[in-house]
Amino acid sequence: MPIRTLSDLVTTANMAAFSVAFATKARWHAEMPMRTDISELCPWPTFDALIATGAIPADKFAVLLNAKSMLKSFYVDERGQLRPGAIQAFAAQGATLTVNNIDRFVPAIGELATAIERELCCKTGVNAYISFGTKSAFLAHSDDHDVLIVQLQGVKHWRTYGVPEPFPTRSVHMGSPPPLVNGKGE
């Protein structure tokens, strides 16, 4: 069954808990059973084709290696097109590839983002982070907006820190993270 709505994504059983957490701006986490349909939002061949065909503009794409942004000239040619070979070389080094506004380039993600926007009555934006290594792409930080993380494939240990600020007014980038919630990553 394709994922087209927020309840398809978080499951009907988890929808009430999600809604309360969203309304109160509280941290919410749900361990989901392994689902084969989730990776269908953007299967690897789709992502690979977006890079190979130049469908993703260079200004929406970035490569991070060891929490540092790489110069665009390393992976964008003189015409402003992504260079798939250079991107593959960075991936082999454990880089993280980022695509801002991926919902504009992948119809299934765009449809889901529109449905979530309608259901939650708030603007949505979707970014993709494709990690090939074990290191974090970003230093510990906070965001000035709500974040819903959906992991499509693979395994990752997510850590969250501190108490969420219900109505943040700015993003904060921290060099070293605050204490872990409950003494562990959540």
N, C-alpha and C. Protein backbone atom coordinates (compact mmCIF):
# COMPACT_ATOMS: atom_id res chain seq x y z
N MET A 1 0.84 -1.18 0.00
CA MET A 1 0.00 0.00 0.00
C MET A 1 0.89 1.25 0.00
N PRO A 2 0.70 2.15 -0.96
CA PRO A 2 1.52 3.35 -1.00
C PRO A 2 1.25 4.27 0.19
N ILE A 3 2.26 5.02 0.57
CA ILE A 3 2.13 5.97 1.68
C ILE A 3 1.76 7.31 1.08
N ARG A 4 0.52 7.74 1.35
CA ARG A 4 0.04 8.98 0.77
C ARG A 4 -0.41 10.02 1.80
N THR A 5 -0.61 9.58 3.06
CA THR A 5 -1.10 10.49 4.09
C THR A 5 -0.25 10.37 5.35
N LEU A 6 -0.45 11.29 6.27
CA LEU A 6 0.26 11.24 7.54
C LEU A 6 -0.08 9.97 8.30
N SER A 7 -1.34 9.57 8.32
CA SER A 7 -1.70 8.34 9.04
C SER A 7 -1.14 7.10 8.35
N ASP A 8 -0.97 7.13 7.04
CA ASP A 8 -0.29 6.02 6.36
C ASP A 8 1.16 5.93 6.87
N LEU A 9 1.76 7.09 7.08
CA LEU A 9 3.16 7.15 7.49
C LEU A 9 3.36 6.74 8.94
N VAL A 10 2.64 7.35 9.86
CA VAL A 10 2.86 7.06 11.28
C VAL A 10 2.00 5.90 11.77
N THR A 11 1.14 5.40 10.96
CA THR A 11 0.16 4.33 11.19
C THR A 11 -1.03 4.86 11.99
N THR A 12 -2.16 4.30 11.69
CA THR A 12 -3.40 4.71 12.35
C THR A 12 -3.30 4.53 13.85
N ALA A 13 -2.65 3.46 14.30
CA ALA A 13 -2.52 3.18 15.73
C ALA A 13 -1.72 4.26 16.45
N ASN A 14 -0.77 4.90 15.78
CA ASN A 14 0.08 5.93 16.40
C ASN A 14 -0.41 7.35 16.16
N MET A 15 -1.46 7.52 15.37
CA MET A 15 -1.88 8.85 14.95
C MET A 15 -2.30 9.73 16.14
N ALA A 16 -3.03 9.20 17.10
CA ALA A 16 -3.48 10.00 18.25
C ALA A 16 -2.28 10.51 19.06
N ALA A 17 -1.31 9.63 19.32
CA ALA A 17 -0.13 10.03 20.09
C ALA A 17 0.68 11.07 19.32
N PHE A 18 0.82 10.89 18.03
CA PHE A 18 1.53 11.87 17.21
C PHE A 18 0.83 13.23 17.28
N SER A 19 -0.48 13.23 17.13
CA SER A 19 -1.25 14.48 17.13
C SER A 19 -1.08 15.24 18.44
N VAL A 20 -1.10 14.54 19.56
CA VAL A 20 -0.91 15.18 20.87
C VAL A 20 0.50 15.76 20.94
N ALA A 21 1.50 14.99 20.56
CA ALA A 21 2.88 15.47 20.61
C ALA A 21 3.07 16.68 19.70
N PHE A 22 2.49 16.65 18.53
CA PHE A 22 2.62 17.79 17.60
C PHE A 22 1.96 19.03 18.19
N ALA A 23 0.76 18.87 18.73
CA ALA A 23 0.02 20.01 19.29
C ALA A 23 0.72 20.62 20.49
N THR A 24 1.36 19.79 21.30
CA THR A 24 2.03 20.28 22.51
C THR A 24 3.52 20.55 22.28
N LYS A 25 3.98 20.34 21.07
CA LYS A 25 5.39 20.54 20.70
C LYS A 25 6.31 19.68 21.56
N ALA A 26 5.88 18.47 21.82
CA ALA A 26 6.67 17.52 22.60
C ALA A 26 7.40 16.56 21.67
N ARG A 27 8.51 16.04 22.13
CA ARG A 27 9.25 15.05 21.36
C ARG A 27 8.40 13.79 21.27
N TRP A 28 8.38 13.17 20.10
CA TRP A 28 7.62 11.94 19.90
C TRP A 28 8.48 10.98 19.10
N HIS A 29 8.46 9.74 19.49
CA HIS A 29 9.23 8.71 18.80
C HIS A 29 8.40 7.44 18.76
N ALA A 30 8.36 6.82 17.63
CA ALA A 30 7.66 5.54 17.52
C ALA A 30 8.55 4.57 16.76
N GLU A 31 8.82 3.45 17.37
CA GLU A 31 9.53 2.39 16.66
C GLU A 31 8.53 1.72 15.75
N MET A 32 8.83 1.72 14.50
CA MET A 32 7.93 1.13 13.53
C MET A 32 8.47 -0.24 13.12
N PRO A 33 7.56 -1.15 12.82
CA PRO A 33 8.03 -2.42 12.29
C PRO A 33 8.68 -2.19 10.92
N MET A 34 9.54 -3.09 10.53
CA MET A 34 10.17 -2.98 9.21
C MET A 34 9.08 -2.95 8.16
N ARG A 35 9.15 -1.96 7.29
CA ARG A 35 8.13 -1.80 6.26
C ARG A 35 8.81 -1.73 4.91
N THR A 36 8.34 -2.53 3.98
CA THR A 36 8.92 -2.48 2.65
C THR A 36 8.37 -1.30 1.86
N ASP A 37 7.19 -0.81 2.21
CA ASP A 37 6.58 0.27 1.45
C ASP A 37 7.23 1.63 1.70
N ILE A 38 7.89 1.82 2.82
CA ILE A 38 8.47 3.12 3.15
C ILE A 38 9.59 3.50 2.18
N SER A 39 10.41 2.53 1.79
CA SER A 39 11.51 2.84 0.87
C SER A 39 10.99 3.17 -0.53
N GLU A 40 9.73 2.85 -0.80
CA GLU A 40 9.16 3.16 -2.11
C GLU A 40 8.89 4.64 -2.29
N LEU A 41 8.97 5.43 -1.21
CA LEU A 41 8.83 6.88 -1.37
C LEU A 41 9.94 7.43 -2.27
N CYS A 42 11.13 6.87 -2.15
CA CYS A 42 12.24 7.27 -3.01
C CYS A 42 13.24 6.12 -3.10
N PRO A 43 12.93 5.12 -3.93
CA PRO A 43 13.88 4.00 -4.07
C PRO A 43 15.20 4.49 -4.66
N TRP A 44 16.26 3.75 -4.35
CA TRP A 44 17.59 4.16 -4.80
C TRP A 44 17.66 4.44 -6.30
N PRO A 45 17.08 3.61 -7.17
CA PRO A 45 17.17 3.93 -8.61
C PRO A 45 16.56 5.30 -8.97
N THR A 46 15.53 5.71 -8.26
CA THR A 46 14.93 7.03 -8.49
C THR A 46 15.92 8.12 -8.11
N PHE A 47 16.53 7.99 -6.93
CA PHE A 47 17.50 8.99 -6.49
C PHE A 47 18.70 9.03 -7.44
N ASP A 48 19.19 7.87 -7.81
CA ASP A 48 20.33 7.78 -8.73
C ASP A 48 20.01 8.46 -10.06
N ALA A 49 18.79 8.25 -10.56
CA ALA A 49 18.38 8.86 -11.83
C ALA A 49 18.28 10.39 -11.71
N LEU A 50 17.84 10.88 -10.56
CA LEU A 50 17.77 12.33 -10.36
C LEU A 50 19.14 12.98 -10.50
N ILE A 51 20.16 12.31 -9.98
CA ILE A 51 21.52 12.84 -10.09
C ILE A 51 22.03 12.69 -11.52
N ALA A 52 21.85 11.50 -12.09
CA ALA A 52 22.39 11.21 -13.42
C ALA A 52 21.78 12.08 -14.51
N THR A 53 20.50 12.41 -14.39
CA THR A 53 19.83 13.20 -15.43
C THR A 53 19.92 14.70 -15.21
N GLY A 54 20.48 15.11 -14.09
CA GLY A 54 20.58 16.54 -13.81
C GLY A 54 19.27 17.15 -13.32
N ALA A 55 18.35 16.31 -12.85
CA ALA A 55 17.05 16.81 -12.39
C ALA A 55 17.16 17.61 -11.10
N ILE A 56 18.19 17.35 -10.31
CA ILE A 56 18.38 18.10 -9.07
C ILE A 56 19.32 19.27 -9.36
N PRO A 57 18.86 20.49 -9.18
CA PRO A 57 19.75 21.64 -9.40
C PRO A 57 20.87 21.66 -8.36
N ALA A 58 22.02 22.12 -8.77
CA ALA A 58 23.19 22.14 -7.89
C ALA A 58 22.95 22.98 -6.63
N ASP A 59 22.09 24.01 -6.72
CA ASP A 59 21.85 24.83 -5.54
C ASP A 59 20.96 24.14 -4.50
N LYS A 60 20.39 23.00 -4.84
CA LYS A 60 19.58 22.22 -3.90
C LYS A 60 20.33 21.01 -3.37
N PHE A 61 21.57 20.85 -3.78
CA PHE A 61 22.35 19.65 -3.47
C PHE A 61 23.63 20.03 -2.75
N ALA A 62 24.02 19.23 -1.76
CA ALA A 62 25.29 19.49 -1.06
C ALA A 62 25.91 18.16 -0.65
N VAL A 63 27.20 18.18 -0.49
CA VAL A 63 27.96 17.03 -0.01
C VAL A 63 28.64 17.45 1.29
N LEU A 64 28.43 16.65 2.34
CA LEU A 64 29.09 16.89 3.63
C LEU A 64 29.99 15.71 3.92
N LEU A 65 31.20 16.00 4.36
CA LEU A 65 32.15 14.97 4.73
C LEU A 65 32.76 15.37 6.07
N ASN A 66 32.63 14.50 7.06
CA ASN A 66 33.13 14.80 8.41
C ASN A 66 32.57 16.12 8.94
N ALA A 67 31.26 16.31 8.76
CA ALA A 67 30.53 17.49 9.25
C ALA A 67 30.98 18.79 8.60
N LYS A 68 31.59 18.70 7.42
CA LYS A 68 32.02 19.90 6.70
C LYS A 68 31.44 19.86 5.28
N SER A 69 30.93 21.00 4.84
CA SER A 69 30.40 21.11 3.47
C SER A 69 31.56 21.14 2.48
N MET A 70 31.47 20.35 1.45
CA MET A 70 32.47 20.34 0.40
C MET A 70 32.17 21.47 -0.59
N LEU A 71 33.20 22.01 -1.19
CA LEU A 71 33.02 23.04 -2.21
C LEU A 71 32.25 22.46 -3.39
N LYS A 72 31.30 23.22 -3.89
CA LYS A 72 30.49 22.76 -5.02
C LYS A 72 31.37 22.44 -6.24
N SER A 73 32.46 23.15 -6.39
CA SER A 73 33.34 22.91 -7.55
C SER A 73 33.91 21.49 -7.56
N PHE A 74 33.87 20.80 -6.42
CA PHE A 74 34.34 19.42 -6.36
C PHE A 74 33.36 18.44 -7.01
N TYR A 75 32.08 18.80 -7.09
CA TYR A 75 31.09 17.85 -7.60
C TYR A 75 30.08 18.46 -8.58
N VAL A 76 30.31 19.72 -8.99
CA VAL A 76 29.45 20.38 -9.98
C VAL A 76 30.34 20.81 -11.14
N ASP A 77 29.90 20.55 -12.38
CA ASP A 77 30.72 20.90 -13.54
C ASP A 77 30.53 22.38 -13.91
N GLU A 78 31.23 22.80 -14.96
CA GLU A 78 31.21 24.20 -15.36
C GLU A 78 29.85 24.64 -15.89
N ARG A 79 28.98 23.70 -16.28
CA ARG A 79 27.62 24.03 -16.73
C ARG A 79 26.64 24.09 -15.56
N GLY A 80 27.12 23.79 -14.35
CA GLY A 80 26.25 23.81 -13.19
C GLY A 80 25.53 22.49 -12.94
N GLN A 81 25.98 21.43 -13.62
CA GLN A 81 25.37 20.11 -13.47
C GLN A 81 26.15 19.28 -12.45
N LEU A 82 25.43 18.47 -11.70
CA LEU A 82 26.09 17.56 -10.76
C LEU A 82 26.94 16.56 -11.53
N ARG A 83 28.08 16.20 -10.96
CA ARG A 83 28.98 15.22 -11.58
C ARG A 83 28.82 13.89 -10.82
N PRO A 84 28.06 12.94 -11.39
CA PRO A 84 27.80 11.67 -10.70
C PRO A 84 29.05 10.94 -10.24
N GLY A 85 30.10 10.92 -11.03
CA GLY A 85 31.33 10.22 -10.64
C GLY A 85 31.96 10.83 -9.40
N ALA A 86 31.98 12.16 -9.33
CA ALA A 86 32.55 12.83 -8.16
C ALA A 86 31.69 12.57 -6.92
N ILE A 87 30.38 12.55 -7.11
CA ILE A 87 29.47 12.29 -5.98
C ILE A 87 29.65 10.86 -5.48
N GLN A 88 29.82 9.91 -6.40
CA GLN A 88 30.07 8.52 -6.00
C GLN A 88 31.38 8.40 -5.23
N ALA A 89 32.39 9.16 -5.64
CA ALA A 89 33.67 9.13 -4.94
C ALA A 89 33.52 9.65 -3.51
N PHE A 90 32.75 10.70 -3.32
CA PHE A 90 32.49 11.20 -1.97
C PHE A 90 31.71 10.17 -1.15
N ALA A 91 30.72 9.54 -1.77
CA ALA A 91 29.94 8.51 -1.07
C ALA A 91 30.86 7.38 -0.60
N ALA A 92 31.81 7.00 -1.42
CA ALA A 92 32.75 5.94 -1.05
C ALA A 92 33.62 6.33 0.15
N GLN A 93 33.75 7.64 0.39
CA GLN A 93 34.52 8.13 1.55
C GLN A 93 33.65 8.29 2.80
N GLY A 94 32.36 7.95 2.69
CA GLY A 94 31.46 8.05 3.83
C GLY A 94 30.72 9.37 3.92
N ALA A 95 30.59 10.08 2.82
CA ALA A 95 29.92 11.39 2.83
C ALA A 95 28.42 11.26 3.05
N THR A 96 27.81 12.39 3.34
CA THR A 96 26.36 12.51 3.38
C THR A 96 25.97 13.45 2.25
N LEU A 97 25.00 13.03 1.45
CA LEU A 97 24.47 13.85 0.37
C LEU A 97 23.18 14.48 0.86
N THR A 98 22.98 15.74 0.61
CA THR A 98 21.75 16.40 1.02
C THR A 98 21.03 16.97 -0.19
N VAL A 99 19.73 16.84 -0.18
CA VAL A 99 18.90 17.42 -1.23
C VAL A 99 17.80 18.24 -0.54
N ASN A 100 17.86 19.55 -0.70
CA ASN A 100 16.82 20.40 -0.16
C ASN A 100 15.62 20.40 -1.10
N ASN A 101 14.44 20.40 -0.53
CA ASN A 101 13.19 20.41 -1.28
C ASN A 101 13.05 19.21 -2.22
N ILE A 102 13.42 18.03 -1.73
CA ILE A 102 13.32 16.83 -2.57
C ILE A 102 11.88 16.55 -2.98
N ASP A 103 10.93 17.09 -2.23
CA ASP A 103 9.52 16.93 -2.59
C ASP A 103 9.19 17.55 -3.95
N ARG A 104 10.02 18.45 -4.43
CA ARG A 104 9.82 19.05 -5.76
C ARG A 104 10.29 18.13 -6.88
N PHE A 105 11.11 17.14 -6.55
CA PHE A 105 11.71 16.30 -7.57
C PHE A 105 11.20 14.86 -7.57
N VAL A 106 10.60 14.44 -6.46
CA VAL A 106 10.10 13.06 -6.33
C VAL A 106 8.60 13.14 -6.07
N PRO A 107 7.78 12.78 -7.07
CA PRO A 107 6.33 12.92 -6.93
C PRO A 107 5.73 12.27 -5.68
N ALA A 108 6.16 11.07 -5.33
CA ALA A 108 5.58 10.39 -4.15
C ALA A 108 5.84 11.19 -2.88
N ILE A 109 7.03 11.77 -2.76
CA ILE A 109 7.35 12.58 -1.58
C ILE A 109 6.58 13.90 -1.64
N GLY A 110 6.43 14.47 -2.81
CA GLY A 110 5.66 15.70 -2.97
C GLY A 110 4.20 15.51 -2.58
N GLU A 111 3.60 14.40 -3.00
CA GLU A 111 2.20 14.12 -2.65
C GLU A 111 2.05 13.94 -1.14
N LEU A 112 2.98 13.22 -0.52
CA LEU A 112 2.92 13.03 0.93
C LEU A 112 3.10 14.35 1.66
N ALA A 113 4.03 15.18 1.22
CA ALA A 113 4.26 16.48 1.86
C ALA A 113 3.01 17.36 1.76
N THR A 114 2.35 17.35 0.63
CA THR A 114 1.12 18.12 0.46
C THR A 114 0.03 17.62 1.40
N ALA A 115 -0.10 16.30 1.53
CA ALA A 115 -1.11 15.73 2.42
C ALA A 115 -0.81 16.09 3.88
N ILE A 116 0.46 16.04 4.27
CA ILE A 116 0.85 16.39 5.65
C ILE A 116 0.57 17.88 5.89
N GLU A 117 0.91 18.71 4.92
CA GLU A 117 0.66 20.15 5.05
C GLU A 117 -0.82 20.44 5.26
N ARG A 118 -1.66 19.76 4.49
CA ARG A 118 -3.12 19.94 4.64
C ARG A 118 -3.59 19.46 6.01
N GLU A 119 -3.10 18.29 6.43
CA GLU A 119 -3.56 17.71 7.70
C GLU A 119 -3.10 18.51 8.91
N LEU A 120 -1.87 19.00 8.91
CA LEU A 120 -1.34 19.72 10.06
C LEU A 120 -1.55 21.24 9.97
N CYS A 121 -2.04 21.69 8.84
CA CYS A 121 -2.30 23.13 8.62
C CYS A 121 -1.04 23.96 8.85
N CYS A 122 0.07 23.48 8.28
CA CYS A 122 1.31 24.25 8.36
C CYS A 122 2.16 23.97 7.13
N LYS A 123 3.00 24.91 6.80
CA LYS A 123 3.89 24.77 5.65
C LYS A 123 4.86 23.62 5.89
N THR A 124 5.10 22.84 4.88
CA THR A 124 6.07 21.75 5.00
C THR A 124 7.17 21.92 3.95
N GLY A 125 8.32 21.41 4.28
CA GLY A 125 9.43 21.33 3.36
C GLY A 125 10.11 20.01 3.62
N VAL A 126 10.62 19.38 2.59
CA VAL A 126 11.21 18.06 2.75
C VAL A 126 12.65 18.09 2.24
N ASN A 127 13.56 17.71 3.11
CA ASN A 127 14.96 17.57 2.74
C ASN A 127 15.35 16.11 2.88
N ALA A 128 16.27 15.67 2.06
CA ALA A 128 16.76 14.29 2.13
C ALA A 128 18.22 14.31 2.53
N TYR A 129 18.58 13.35 3.36
CA TYR A 129 19.96 13.17 3.81
C TYR A 129 20.32 11.72 3.55
N ILE A 130 21.27 11.49 2.67
CA ILE A 130 21.67 10.15 2.29
C ILE A 130 23.08 9.95 2.82
N SER A 131 23.19 9.13 3.85
CA SER A 131 24.49 8.93 4.52
C SER A 131 25.12 7.62 4.11
N PHE A 132 26.41 7.65 3.86
CA PHE A 132 27.14 6.46 3.46
C PHE A 132 28.17 6.04 4.50
N GLY A 133 28.28 6.79 5.56
CA GLY A 133 29.26 6.47 6.58
C GLY A 133 28.63 6.35 7.94
N THR A 134 29.48 6.18 8.93
CA THR A 134 29.00 6.03 10.30
C THR A 134 29.05 7.33 11.08
N LYS A 135 29.71 8.34 10.55
CA LYS A 135 29.82 9.62 11.26
C LYS A 135 28.60 10.48 11.00
N SER A 136 28.29 11.34 11.96
CA SER A 136 27.18 12.28 11.80
C SER A 136 27.53 13.32 10.74
N ALA A 137 26.53 13.69 9.97
CA ALA A 137 26.73 14.70 8.94
C ALA A 137 26.78 16.10 9.55
N PHE A 138 26.10 16.28 10.69
CA PHE A 138 26.00 17.59 11.31
C PHE A 138 26.45 17.52 12.76
N LEU A 139 26.96 18.63 13.26
CA LEU A 139 27.25 18.74 14.68
C LEU A 139 25.91 18.83 15.41
N ALA A 140 25.92 18.61 16.70
CA ALA A 140 24.70 18.77 17.49
C ALA A 140 24.15 20.18 17.26
N HIS A 141 22.84 20.26 17.11
CA HIS A 141 22.20 21.55 16.84
C HIS A 141 20.73 21.48 17.21
N SER A 142 20.07 22.61 17.18
CA SER A 142 18.63 22.64 17.33
C SER A 142 18.06 23.35 16.11
N ASP A 143 16.82 23.06 15.81
CA ASP A 143 16.16 23.67 14.67
C ASP A 143 15.10 24.65 15.14
N ASP A 144 14.80 25.64 14.30
CA ASP A 144 13.77 26.62 14.65
C ASP A 144 12.42 26.27 14.05
N HIS A 145 12.23 24.99 13.76
CA HIS A 145 10.98 24.50 13.20
C HIS A 145 10.78 23.06 13.64
N ASP A 146 9.56 22.56 13.49
CA ASP A 146 9.29 21.16 13.81
C ASP A 146 9.98 20.28 12.79
N VAL A 147 10.45 19.12 13.24
CA VAL A 147 11.15 18.19 12.37
C VAL A 147 10.52 16.81 12.52
N LEU A 148 10.15 16.22 11.40
CA LEU A 148 9.65 14.85 11.36
C LEU A 148 10.67 14.05 10.57
N ILE A 149 11.33 13.13 11.22
CA ILE A 149 12.35 12.32 10.56
C ILE A 149 11.73 11.01 10.12
N VAL A 150 11.91 10.68 8.86
CA VAL A 150 11.43 9.41 8.33
C VAL A 150 12.65 8.73 7.70
N GLN A 151 13.04 7.63 8.26
CA GLN A 151 14.18 6.89 7.73
C GLN A 151 13.67 5.87 6.72
N LEU A 152 14.10 6.01 5.48
CA LEU A 152 13.60 5.15 4.42
C LEU A 152 14.33 3.82 4.32
N GLN A 153 15.62 3.83 4.55
CA GLN A 153 16.41 2.61 4.40
C GLN A 153 17.56 2.62 5.41
N GLY A 154 18.13 1.44 5.60
CA GLY A 154 19.34 1.32 6.39
C GLY A 154 19.12 1.37 7.89
N VAL A 155 20.24 1.57 8.60
CA VAL A 155 20.25 1.58 10.05
C VAL A 155 20.97 2.85 10.50
N LYS A 156 20.40 3.53 11.49
CA LYS A 156 21.03 4.73 12.02
C LYS A 156 20.66 4.85 13.49
N HIS A 157 21.60 5.30 14.29
CA HIS A 157 21.34 5.55 15.70
C HIS A 157 21.10 7.05 15.84
N TRP A 158 19.87 7.43 16.14
CA TRP A 158 19.51 8.83 16.28
C TRP A 158 19.66 9.25 17.73
N ARG A 159 20.19 10.44 17.95
CA ARG A 159 20.31 10.98 19.30
C ARG A 159 19.56 12.30 19.37
N THR A 160 18.84 12.48 20.46
CA THR A 160 18.20 13.76 20.71
C THR A 160 18.66 14.25 22.06
N TYR A 161 18.74 15.56 22.21
CA TYR A 161 19.31 16.15 23.40
C TYR A 161 18.36 17.19 24.00
N GLY A 162 18.43 17.30 25.31
CA GLY A 162 17.71 18.36 26.00
C GLY A 162 16.21 18.28 25.88
N VAL A 163 15.58 19.34 26.29
CA VAL A 163 14.13 19.45 26.24
C VAL A 163 13.77 20.30 25.04
N PRO A 164 12.85 19.84 24.19
CA PRO A 164 12.48 20.65 23.03
C PRO A 164 11.94 22.01 23.46
N GLU A 165 12.32 23.04 22.74
CA GLU A 165 11.78 24.36 22.98
C GLU A 165 10.48 24.46 22.18
N PRO A 166 9.33 24.67 22.84
CA PRO A 166 8.05 24.63 22.14
C PRO A 166 7.93 25.60 20.98
N PHE A 167 8.44 26.81 21.12
CA PHE A 167 8.31 27.80 20.06
C PHE A 167 9.65 28.50 19.85
N PRO A 168 10.60 27.79 19.25
CA PRO A 168 11.94 28.37 19.06
C PRO A 168 11.89 29.53 18.08
N THR A 169 12.76 30.48 18.27
CA THR A 169 12.81 31.63 17.37
C THR A 169 14.06 31.63 16.50
N ARG A 170 14.99 30.72 16.79
CA ARG A 170 16.20 30.64 15.97
C ARG A 170 16.82 29.25 16.12
N SER A 171 17.59 28.88 15.12
CA SER A 171 18.35 27.64 15.18
C SER A 171 19.59 27.88 16.02
N VAL A 172 20.03 26.87 16.72
CA VAL A 172 21.24 26.98 17.52
C VAL A 172 22.18 25.86 17.11
N HIS A 173 23.39 26.22 16.78
CA HIS A 173 24.40 25.22 16.45
C HIS A 173 25.37 25.13 17.61
N MET A 174 25.51 23.94 18.12
CA MET A 174 26.34 23.74 19.31
C MET A 174 27.59 22.96 18.92
N GLY A 175 28.70 23.31 19.49
CA GLY A 175 29.91 22.56 19.26
C GLY A 175 29.88 21.21 19.95
N SER A 176 29.44 21.21 21.19
CA SER A 176 29.33 19.94 21.91
C SER A 176 27.89 19.83 22.42
N PRO A 177 27.32 18.66 22.35
CA PRO A 177 25.92 18.51 22.69
C PRO A 177 25.67 18.61 24.20
N PRO A 178 24.45 19.00 24.56
CA PRO A 178 24.07 18.99 25.96
C PRO A 178 23.88 17.56 26.42
N PRO A 179 23.55 17.35 27.69
CA PRO A 179 23.35 15.98 28.17
C PRO A 179 22.26 15.26 27.37
N LEU A 180 22.45 13.97 27.19
CA LEU A 180 21.46 13.16 26.51
C LEU A 180 20.19 13.06 27.35
N VAL A 181 19.05 12.94 26.69
CA VAL A 181 17.80 12.76 27.39
C VAL A 181 17.81 11.37 28.05
N ASN A 182 17.48 11.32 29.33
CA ASN A 182 17.45 10.06 30.07
C ASN A 182 18.80 9.32 30.02
N GLY A 183 19.88 10.06 29.83
CA GLY A 183 21.20 9.45 29.82
C GLY A 183 21.51 8.64 28.59
N LYS A 184 20.64 8.70 27.58
CA LYS A 184 20.89 7.96 26.34
C LYS A 184 20.25 8.70 25.18
N GLY A 185 20.64 8.33 24.00
CA GLY A 185 20.03 8.91 22.81
C GLY A 185 18.62 8.37 22.66
N GLU A 186 17.70 9.22 22.21
CA GLU A 186 16.34 8.75 21.99
C GLU A 186 15.98 8.97 20.56
